[in-house]
């Protein structure tokens, strides 16, 4: 294996951007896993803006989010004023919304999981199944390209048998640069093979000692002129949360 690496390195230095097929499923799965958890970490706190654009209107939300592992997350809306305090809590596969204007906690039923989250091009399923691409799919490297500063992988993810998934196929471009594993692009396909949406991960910057894409664009292909953009303003990892932080009580707590 070491000899192969040396050969490929020499060929690259001599002018070779190489492309070849590989069937190393473990490597593909590891790459998918690392890229998937990059913007989540084992525990994290982030501040971001989400801009939702349609041909007729545009709105921007300021969001604060906390995450612990794959099972727990909490998101609160800081602005606009009309939606300030709104929040979403995820614990395992359960999801709740808090609407302070009417003082109601709403548990999201399975029938609503494909509905838009906060009017964006993301759904409640995206929140609940953030790691579905890791757990519910098998992975295969379709293409591997050596570049000047790293390696670009094209990985295909296909659903496991009996897996309850949203997408019939996912294609991901992942860039490996030293110790960094960075998502570049994700294309989500229906069971009929139609490309439904594209996610692009842009503007890599260092935050909290990690290099992350700070600008994420989601473009649905069935809605012409629609786009949702998430821009990270702050990102912290390796945090310790108080017991029961991820709870309905915290979800309903007034924002400072």
C-alpha atoms as a PDB file:
ATOM      1  CA  UNK A   1       0.000   0.000   0.000  1.00  0.00           C
ATOM      2  CA  UNK A   2       2.852   2.380   0.889  1.00  0.00           C
ATOM      3  CA  UNK A   3       4.511   1.614  -2.460  1.00  0.00           C
ATOM      4  CA  UNK A   4       1.292   2.503  -4.301  1.00  0.00           C
ATOM      5  CA  UNK A   5       1.118   5.819  -2.467  1.00  0.00           C
ATOM      6  CA  UNK A   6       4.699   6.613  -3.428  1.00  0.00           C
ATOM      7  CA  UNK A   7       4.008   5.718  -7.076  1.00  0.00           C
ATOM      8  CA  UNK A   8       0.924   7.933  -7.194  1.00  0.00           C
ATOM      9  CA  UNK A   9       2.808  10.780  -5.506  1.00  0.00           C
ATOM     10  CA  UNK A  10       5.598  10.561  -8.088  1.00  0.00           C
ATOM     11  CA  UNK A  11       3.118  10.473 -10.976  1.00  0.00           C
ATOM     12  CA  UNK A  12       1.339  13.503  -9.563  1.00  0.00           C
ATOM     13  CA  UNK A  13       4.586  15.463  -9.262  1.00  0.00           C
ATOM     14  CA  UNK A  14       5.357  14.599 -12.888  1.00  0.00           C
ATOM     15  CA  UNK A  15       2.072  16.155 -13.936  1.00  0.00           C
ATOM     16  CA  UNK A  16      -0.568  13.601 -13.105  1.00  0.00           C
ATOM     17  CA  UNK A  17      -4.039  14.490 -11.935  1.00  0.00           C
ATOM     18  CA  UNK A  18      -5.257  10.889 -11.768  1.00  0.00           C
ATOM     19  CA  UNK A  19      -8.798   9.556 -11.756  1.00  0.00           C
ATOM     20  CA  UNK A  20      -9.652   5.950 -10.977  1.00  0.00           C
ATOM     21  CA  UNK A  21     -12.397   3.796  -9.518  1.00  0.00           C
ATOM     22  CA  UNK A  22     -12.158   2.259  -6.065  1.00  0.00           C
ATOM     23  CA  UNK A  23     -14.349  -0.056  -4.077  1.00  0.00           C
ATOM     24  CA  UNK A  24     -12.925   0.528  -0.603  1.00  0.00           C
ATOM     25  CA  UNK A  25     -16.223   0.725   1.228  1.00  0.00           C
ATOM     26  CA  UNK A  26     -14.685   1.315   4.642  1.00  0.00           C
ATOM     27  CA  UNK A  27     -12.720   4.292   3.363  1.00  0.00           C
ATOM     28  CA  UNK A  28     -15.843   5.699   1.716  1.00  0.00           C
ATOM     29  CA  UNK A  29     -17.859   5.282   4.917  1.00  0.00           C
ATOM     30  CA  UNK A  30     -15.153   6.921   7.007  1.00  0.00           C
ATOM     31  CA  UNK A  31     -15.001   9.886   4.656  1.00  0.00           C
ATOM     32  CA  UNK A  32     -18.780  10.290   4.700  1.00  0.00           C
ATOM     33  CA  UNK A  33     -18.846  10.065   8.499  1.00  0.00           C
ATOM     34  CA  UNK A  34     -16.071  12.631   8.997  1.00  0.00           C
ATOM     35  CA  UNK A  35     -17.599  15.072   6.521  1.00  0.00           C
ATOM     36  CA  UNK A  36     -21.070  14.635   7.996  1.00  0.00           C
ATOM     37  CA  UNK A  37     -20.048  15.402  11.575  1.00  0.00           C
ATOM     38  CA  UNK A  38     -17.709  18.287  10.728  1.00  0.00           C
ATOM     39  CA  UNK A  39     -20.360  20.974  11.291  1.00  0.00           C
ATOM     40  CA  UNK A  40     -21.693  19.193  14.351  1.00  0.00           C
ATOM     41  CA  UNK A  41     -18.744  17.764  16.242  1.00  0.00           C
ATOM     42  CA  UNK A  42     -19.210  15.655  19.341  1.00  0.00           C
ATOM     43  CA  UNK A  43     -20.639  18.775  20.949  1.00  0.00           C
ATOM     44  CA  UNK A  44     -20.962  22.246  19.495  1.00  0.00           C
ATOM     45  CA  UNK A  45     -22.461  25.715  19.717  1.00  0.00           C
ATOM     46  CA  UNK A  46     -22.938  27.907  16.661  1.00  0.00           C
ATOM     47  CA  UNK A  47     -24.439  31.194  15.556  1.00  0.00           C
ATOM     48  CA  UNK A  48     -25.560  31.587  11.961  1.00  0.00           C
ATOM     49  CA  UNK A  49     -27.815  33.414   9.569  1.00  0.00           C
ATOM     50  CA  UNK A  50     -30.205  31.602   7.268  1.00  0.00           C
ATOM     51  CA  UNK A  51     -31.323  33.470   4.157  1.00  0.00           C
ATOM     52  CA  UNK A  52     -34.335  32.055   2.339  1.00  0.00           C
ATOM     53  CA  UNK A  53     -34.841  33.337  -1.219  1.00  0.00           C
ATOM     54  CA  UNK A  54     -37.734  32.836  -3.641  1.00  0.00           C
ATOM     55  CA  UNK A  55     -38.628  34.708  -6.860  1.00  0.00           C
ATOM     56  CA  UNK A  56     -41.109  36.829  -4.840  1.00  0.00           C
ATOM     57  CA  UNK A  57     -39.495  37.429  -1.466  1.00  0.00           C
ATOM     58  CA  UNK A  58     -36.429  37.006   0.756  1.00  0.00           C
ATOM     59  CA  UNK A  59     -36.176  36.649   4.507  1.00  0.00           C
ATOM     60  CA  UNK A  60     -33.235  36.302   6.871  1.00  0.00           C
ATOM     61  CA  UNK A  61     -33.166  34.595  10.257  1.00  0.00           C
ATOM     62  CA  UNK A  62     -30.522  34.751  12.977  1.00  0.00           C
ATOM     63  CA  UNK A  63     -30.203  31.303  14.574  1.00  0.00           C
ATOM     64  CA  UNK A  64     -28.325  29.933  17.574  1.00  0.00           C
ATOM     65  CA  UNK A  65     -27.809  26.176  17.763  1.00  0.00           C
ATOM     66  CA  UNK A  66     -26.417  23.627  20.211  1.00  0.00           C
ATOM     67  CA  UNK A  67     -25.588  19.992  19.504  1.00  0.00           C
ATOM     68  CA  UNK A  68     -24.498  16.929  21.449  1.00  0.00           C
ATOM     69  CA  UNK A  69     -23.469  13.849  19.515  1.00  0.00           C
ATOM     70  CA  UNK A  70     -25.902  12.515  16.934  1.00  0.00           C
ATOM     71  CA  UNK A  71     -28.914  12.411  19.230  1.00  0.00           C
ATOM     72  CA  UNK A  72     -29.513  15.872  20.649  1.00  0.00           C
ATOM     73  CA  UNK A  73     -29.821  19.353  19.170  1.00  0.00           C
ATOM     74  CA  UNK A  74     -31.515  22.629  20.026  1.00  0.00           C
ATOM     75  CA  UNK A  75     -32.110  25.632  17.754  1.00  0.00           C
ATOM     76  CA  UNK A  76     -33.490  29.041  18.716  1.00  0.00           C
ATOM     77  CA  UNK A  77     -34.448  31.982  16.495  1.00  0.00           C
ATOM     78  CA  UNK A  78     -33.134  35.412  17.555  1.00  0.00           C
ATOM     79  CA  UNK A  79     -34.528  37.478  14.692  1.00  0.00           C
ATOM     80  CA  UNK A  80     -36.658  38.719  13.002  1.00  0.00           C
ATOM     81  CA  UNK A  81     -38.644  40.045  15.966  1.00  0.00           C
ATOM     82  CA  UNK A  82     -41.831  38.315  14.807  1.00  0.00           C
ATOM     83  CA  UNK A  83     -40.207  34.888  15.263  1.00  0.00           C
ATOM     84  CA  UNK A  84     -37.822  35.672  18.118  1.00  0.00           C
ATOM     85  CA  UNK A  85     -37.770  32.851  20.640  1.00  0.00           C
ATOM     86  CA  UNK A  86     -39.152  30.194  18.294  1.00  0.00           C
ATOM     87  CA  UNK A  87     -37.201  26.992  18.650  1.00  0.00           C
ATOM     88  CA  UNK A  88     -36.798  23.345  17.705  1.00  0.00           C
ATOM     89  CA  UNK A  89     -35.602  20.556  19.987  1.00  0.00           C
ATOM     90  CA  UNK A  90     -34.437  17.159  18.761  1.00  0.00           C
ATOM     91  CA  UNK A  91     -33.878  14.189  21.068  1.00  0.00           C
ATOM     92  CA  UNK A  92     -33.157  10.995  19.162  1.00  0.00           C
ATOM     93  CA  UNK A  93     -35.949  10.736  16.558  1.00  0.00           C
ATOM     94  CA  UNK A  94     -38.391  13.007  18.381  1.00  0.00           C
ATOM     95  CA  UNK A  95     -38.863  16.657  17.486  1.00  0.00           C
ATOM     96  CA  UNK A  96     -40.661  19.563  19.142  1.00  0.00           C
ATOM     97  CA  UNK A  97     -41.330  23.179  18.127  1.00  0.00           C
ATOM     98  CA  UNK A  98     -41.807  25.992  20.639  1.00  0.00           C
ATOM     99  CA  UNK A  99     -43.959  28.972  19.577  1.00  0.00           C
ATOM    100  CA  UNK A 100     -43.748  31.633  22.309  1.00  0.00           C
ATOM    101  CA  UNK A 101     -46.294  33.915  20.614  1.00  0.00           C
ATOM    102  CA  UNK A 102     -49.022  31.378  21.375  1.00  0.00           C
ATOM    103  CA  UNK A 103     -47.163  29.674  24.241  1.00  0.00           C
ATOM    104  CA  UNK A 104     -47.397  26.255  22.647  1.00  0.00           C
ATOM    105  CA  UNK A 105     -45.045  23.303  22.369  1.00  0.00           C
ATOM    106  CA  UNK A 106     -45.889  21.222  19.298  1.00  0.00           C
ATOM    107  CA  UNK A 107     -44.556  17.724  18.848  1.00  0.00           C
ATOM    108  CA  UNK A 108     -43.869  17.145  15.154  1.00  0.00           C
ATOM    109  CA  UNK A 109     -45.755  14.037  13.927  1.00  0.00           C
ATOM    110  CA  UNK A 110     -44.353  11.688  11.262  1.00  0.00           C
ATOM    111  CA  UNK A 111     -46.798  13.131   8.725  1.00  0.00           C
ATOM    112  CA  UNK A 112     -45.056  16.530   8.960  1.00  0.00           C
ATOM    113  CA  UNK A 113     -41.466  15.342   8.620  1.00  0.00           C
ATOM    114  CA  UNK A 114     -41.244  16.303   4.944  1.00  0.00           C
ATOM    115  CA  UNK A 115     -42.586  19.802   5.659  1.00  0.00           C
ATOM    116  CA  UNK A 116     -40.342  22.839   5.376  1.00  0.00           C
ATOM    117  CA  UNK A 117     -38.424  23.898   8.490  1.00  0.00           C
ATOM    118  CA  UNK A 118     -38.971  27.644   9.098  1.00  0.00           C
ATOM    119  CA  UNK A 119     -40.033  28.124   5.465  1.00  0.00           C
ATOM    120  CA  UNK A 120     -36.597  27.054   4.193  1.00  0.00           C
ATOM    121  CA  UNK A 121     -35.537  24.420   1.665  1.00  0.00           C
ATOM    122  CA  UNK A 122     -34.613  22.159   4.583  1.00  0.00           C
ATOM    123  CA  UNK A 123     -37.199  19.842   6.139  1.00  0.00           C
ATOM    124  CA  UNK A 124     -37.857  18.423   9.585  1.00  0.00           C
ATOM    125  CA  UNK A 125     -36.440  15.169   8.209  1.00  0.00           C
ATOM    126  CA  UNK A 126     -33.130  16.991   7.648  1.00  0.00           C
ATOM    127  CA  UNK A 127     -33.098  17.874  11.352  1.00  0.00           C
ATOM    128  CA  UNK A 128     -34.076  14.410  12.604  1.00  0.00           C
ATOM    129  CA  UNK A 129     -32.018  12.401  10.101  1.00  0.00           C
ATOM    130  CA  UNK A 130     -28.884  14.537  10.072  1.00  0.00           C
ATOM    131  CA  UNK A 131     -26.738  11.385  10.119  1.00  0.00           C
ATOM    132  CA  UNK A 132     -28.959   9.242   7.879  1.00  0.00           C
ATOM    133  CA  UNK A 133     -26.387   9.293   5.080  1.00  0.00           C
ATOM    134  CA  UNK A 134     -23.941   7.628   7.497  1.00  0.00           C
ATOM    135  CA  UNK A 135     -26.212   5.003   9.079  1.00  0.00           C
ATOM    136  CA  UNK A 136     -28.819   4.163   6.436  1.00  0.00           C
ATOM    137  CA  UNK A 137     -26.693   3.978   3.275  1.00  0.00           C
ATOM    138  CA  UNK A 138     -23.866   1.916   1.843  1.00  0.00           C
ATOM    139  CA  UNK A 139     -20.992   3.907   0.361  1.00  0.00           C
ATOM    140  CA  UNK A 140     -18.700   3.486  -2.607  1.00  0.00           C
ATOM    141  CA  UNK A 141     -15.925   5.674  -3.985  1.00  0.00           C
ATOM    142  CA  UNK A 142     -16.704   6.268  -7.660  1.00  0.00           C
ATOM    143  CA  UNK A 143     -13.837   8.592  -8.412  1.00  0.00           C
ATOM    144  CA  UNK A 144     -10.669   9.835  -6.772  1.00  0.00           C
ATOM    145  CA  UNK A 145      -8.734  12.821  -8.087  1.00  0.00           C
ATOM    146  CA  UNK A 146      -5.322  13.907  -6.850  1.00  0.00           C
ATOM    147  CA  UNK A 147      -5.032  17.684  -6.780  1.00  0.00           C
ATOM    148  CA  UNK A 148      -2.211  20.017  -5.918  1.00  0.00           C
ATOM    149  CA  UNK A 149      -3.289  20.521  -2.294  1.00  0.00           C
ATOM    150  CA  UNK A 150      -5.286  17.348  -1.549  1.00  0.00           C
ATOM    151  CA  UNK A 151      -7.558  14.610  -2.852  1.00  0.00           C
ATOM    152  CA  UNK A 152     -11.127  14.959  -4.125  1.00  0.00           C
ATOM    153  CA  UNK A 153     -13.475  11.994  -3.760  1.00  0.00           C
ATOM    154  CA  UNK A 154     -16.797  11.375  -5.478  1.00  0.00           C
ATOM    155  CA  UNK A 155     -18.802   8.992  -3.291  1.00  0.00           C
ATOM    156  CA  UNK A 156     -22.101   7.299  -4.034  1.00  0.00           C
ATOM    157  CA  UNK A 157     -24.463   6.483  -1.160  1.00  0.00           C
ATOM    158  CA  UNK A 158     -27.262   3.962  -1.815  1.00  0.00           C
ATOM    159  CA  UNK A 159     -29.975   3.031   0.725  1.00  0.00           C
ATOM    160  CA  UNK A 160     -29.622  -0.149   2.725  1.00  0.00           C
ATOM    161  CA  UNK A 161     -32.426  -2.669   2.369  1.00  0.00           C
ATOM    162  CA  UNK A 162     -35.465  -1.773   4.481  1.00  0.00           C
ATOM    163  CA  UNK A 163     -33.936   1.576   5.485  1.00  0.00           C
ATOM    164  CA  UNK A 164     -36.575   4.278   5.882  1.00  0.00           C
ATOM    165  CA  UNK A 165     -34.820   7.013   3.922  1.00  0.00           C
ATOM    166  CA  UNK A 166     -35.764  10.194   2.090  1.00  0.00           C
ATOM    167  CA  UNK A 167     -33.358   9.897  -0.853  1.00  0.00           C
ATOM    168  CA  UNK A 168     -32.946   7.075  -3.356  1.00  0.00           C
ATOM    169  CA  UNK A 169     -29.324   8.043  -3.985  1.00  0.00           C
ATOM    170  CA  UNK A 170     -26.849  10.618  -2.693  1.00  0.00           C
ATOM    171  CA  UNK A 171     -23.680  11.732  -4.459  1.00  0.00           C
ATOM    172  CA  UNK A 172     -21.095  13.539  -2.365  1.00  0.00           C
ATOM    173  CA  UNK A 173     -17.869  15.297  -3.233  1.00  0.00           C
ATOM    174  CA  UNK A 174     -15.442  15.272  -0.308  1.00  0.00           C
ATOM    175  CA  UNK A 175     -12.025  16.918  -0.184  1.00  0.00           C
ATOM    176  CA  UNK A 176      -9.231  15.439   1.906  1.00  0.00           C
ATOM    177  CA  UNK A 177      -6.421  17.832   2.778  1.00  0.00           C
ATOM    178  CA  UNK A 178      -4.021  16.574   5.418  1.00  0.00           C
ATOM    179  CA  UNK A 179      -6.116  15.914   8.521  1.00  0.00           C
ATOM    180  CA  UNK A 180      -9.084  17.871   7.163  1.00  0.00           C
ATOM    181  CA  UNK A 181     -12.051  16.071   5.604  1.00  0.00           C
ATOM    182  CA  UNK A 182     -14.283  18.713   4.011  1.00  0.00           C
ATOM    183  CA  UNK A 183     -17.673  18.296   2.333  1.00  0.00           C
ATOM    184  CA  UNK A 184     -17.756  20.115  -1.008  1.00  0.00           C
ATOM    185  CA  UNK A 185     -21.047  19.179  -2.688  1.00  0.00           C
ATOM    186  CA  UNK A 186     -24.017  16.910  -2.091  1.00  0.00           C
ATOM    187  CA  UNK A 187     -26.610  15.926  -4.702  1.00  0.00           C
ATOM    188  CA  UNK A 188     -29.801  14.249  -3.493  1.00  0.00           C
ATOM    189  CA  UNK A 189     -31.854  12.056  -5.842  1.00  0.00           C
ATOM    190  CA  UNK A 190     -35.375  10.648  -5.597  1.00  0.00           C
ATOM    191  CA  UNK A 191     -36.115   6.921  -5.827  1.00  0.00           C
ATOM    192  CA  UNK A 192     -36.928   7.546  -9.513  1.00  0.00           C
ATOM    193  CA  UNK A 193     -33.456   8.965 -10.125  1.00  0.00           C
ATOM    194  CA  UNK A 194     -34.474  12.637 -10.353  1.00  0.00           C
ATOM    195  CA  UNK A 195     -32.006  15.150  -8.926  1.00  0.00           C
ATOM    196  CA  UNK A 196     -34.043  16.937  -6.262  1.00  0.00           C
ATOM    197  CA  UNK A 197     -31.560  19.321  -4.677  1.00  0.00           C
ATOM    198  CA  UNK A 198     -27.914  20.309  -4.457  1.00  0.00           C
ATOM    199  CA  UNK A 199     -25.989  21.429  -1.375  1.00  0.00           C
ATOM    200  CA  UNK A 200     -22.700  23.287  -1.807  1.00  0.00           C
ATOM    201  CA  UNK A 201     -20.245  23.840   1.056  1.00  0.00           C
ATOM    202  CA  UNK A 202     -18.199  26.987   0.453  1.00  0.00           C
ATOM    203  CA  UNK A 203     -15.861  29.567   2.040  1.00  0.00           C
ATOM    204  CA  UNK A 204     -13.707  27.341   4.243  1.00  0.00           C
ATOM    205  CA  UNK A 205     -12.406  29.225   7.289  1.00  0.00           C
ATOM    206  CA  UNK A 206     -10.874  28.327  10.639  1.00  0.00           C
ATOM    207  CA  UNK A 207     -13.249  28.498  13.600  1.00  0.00           C
ATOM    208  CA  UNK A 208     -12.583  27.066  17.046  1.00  0.00           C
ATOM    209  CA  UNK A 209      -9.376  25.506  15.731  1.00  0.00           C
ATOM    210  CA  UNK A 210     -11.149  23.679  12.890  1.00  0.00           C
ATOM    211  CA  UNK A 211     -11.401  24.428   9.202  1.00  0.00           C
ATOM    212  CA  UNK A 212     -15.050  24.355   8.218  1.00  0.00           C
ATOM    213  CA  UNK A 213     -17.175  25.517   5.269  1.00  0.00           C
ATOM    214  CA  UNK A 214     -18.904  28.620   6.611  1.00  0.00           C
ATOM    215  CA  UNK A 215     -21.324  29.125   3.715  1.00  0.00           C
ATOM    216  CA  UNK A 216     -23.811  26.365   2.810  1.00  0.00           C
ATOM    217  CA  UNK A 217     -26.163  26.749  -0.157  1.00  0.00           C
ATOM    218  CA  UNK A 218     -29.193  24.503  -0.665  1.00  0.00           C
ATOM    219  CA  UNK A 219     -30.810  24.683  -4.121  1.00  0.00           C
ATOM    220  CA  UNK A 220     -33.995  22.666  -4.821  1.00  0.00           C
ATOM    221  CA  UNK A 221     -34.337  21.715  -8.480  1.00  0.00           C
ATOM    222  CA  UNK A 222     -38.130  21.493  -8.532  1.00  0.00           C
ATOM    223  CA  UNK A 223     -38.541  25.083  -7.304  1.00  0.00           C
ATOM    224  CA  UNK A 224     -37.016  27.483  -9.818  1.00  0.00           C
ATOM    225  CA  UNK A 225     -35.472  30.534  -8.188  1.00  0.00           C
ATOM    226  CA  UNK A 226     -35.548  29.110  -4.649  1.00  0.00           C
ATOM    227  CA  UNK A 227     -32.450  28.874  -2.475  1.00  0.00           C
ATOM    228  CA  UNK A 228     -31.550  28.661   1.206  1.00  0.00           C
ATOM    229  CA  UNK A 229     -28.137  29.900   2.373  1.00  0.00           C
ATOM    230  CA  UNK A 230     -26.660  29.277   5.829  1.00  0.00           C
ATOM    231  CA  UNK A 231     -23.698  31.422   6.881  1.00  0.00           C
ATOM    232  CA  UNK A 232     -21.827  30.549  10.080  1.00  0.00           C
ATOM    233  CA  UNK A 233     -20.820  33.526  12.223  1.00  0.00           C
ATOM    234  CA  UNK A 234     -19.533  31.568  15.217  1.00  0.00           C
ATOM    235  CA  UNK A 235     -18.667  27.908  15.757  1.00  0.00           C
ATOM    236  CA  UNK A 236     -17.376  26.260  18.950  1.00  0.00           C
ATOM    237  CA  UNK A 237     -16.750  22.579  19.616  1.00  0.00           C
ATOM    238  CA  UNK A 238     -15.894  20.196  22.470  1.00  0.00           C
ATOM    239  CA  UNK A 239     -18.275  21.788  24.949  1.00  0.00           C
ATOM    240  CA  UNK A 240     -19.738  20.427  28.170  1.00  0.00           C
ATOM    241  CA  UNK A 241     -23.461  20.921  28.702  1.00  0.00           C
ATOM    242  CA  UNK A 242     -25.341  20.826  31.983  1.00  0.00           C
ATOM    243  CA  UNK A 243     -27.484  17.725  32.567  1.00  0.00           C
ATOM    244  CA  UNK A 244     -30.929  18.125  30.996  1.00  0.00           C
ATOM    245  CA  UNK A 245     -29.814  21.103  28.902  1.00  0.00           C
ATOM    246  CA  UNK A 246     -31.498  19.476  25.903  1.00  0.00           C
ATOM    247  CA  UNK A 247     -35.013  19.583  27.322  1.00  0.00           C
ATOM    248  CA  UNK A 248     -38.432  21.151  26.811  1.00  0.00           C
ATOM    249  CA  UNK A 249     -37.663  23.470  29.732  1.00  0.00           C
ATOM    250  CA  UNK A 250     -34.604  24.885  27.941  1.00  0.00           C
ATOM    251  CA  UNK A 251     -36.552  25.095  24.689  1.00  0.00           C
ATOM    252  CA  UNK A 252     -39.134  27.359  26.364  1.00  0.00           C
ATOM    253  CA  UNK A 253     -36.635  29.523  28.257  1.00  0.00           C
ATOM    254  CA  UNK A 254     -36.846  33.241  27.283  1.00  0.00           C
ATOM    255  CA  UNK A 255     -33.909  34.461  25.208  1.00  0.00           C
ATOM    256  CA  UNK A 256     -31.549  36.901  26.857  1.00  0.00           C
END
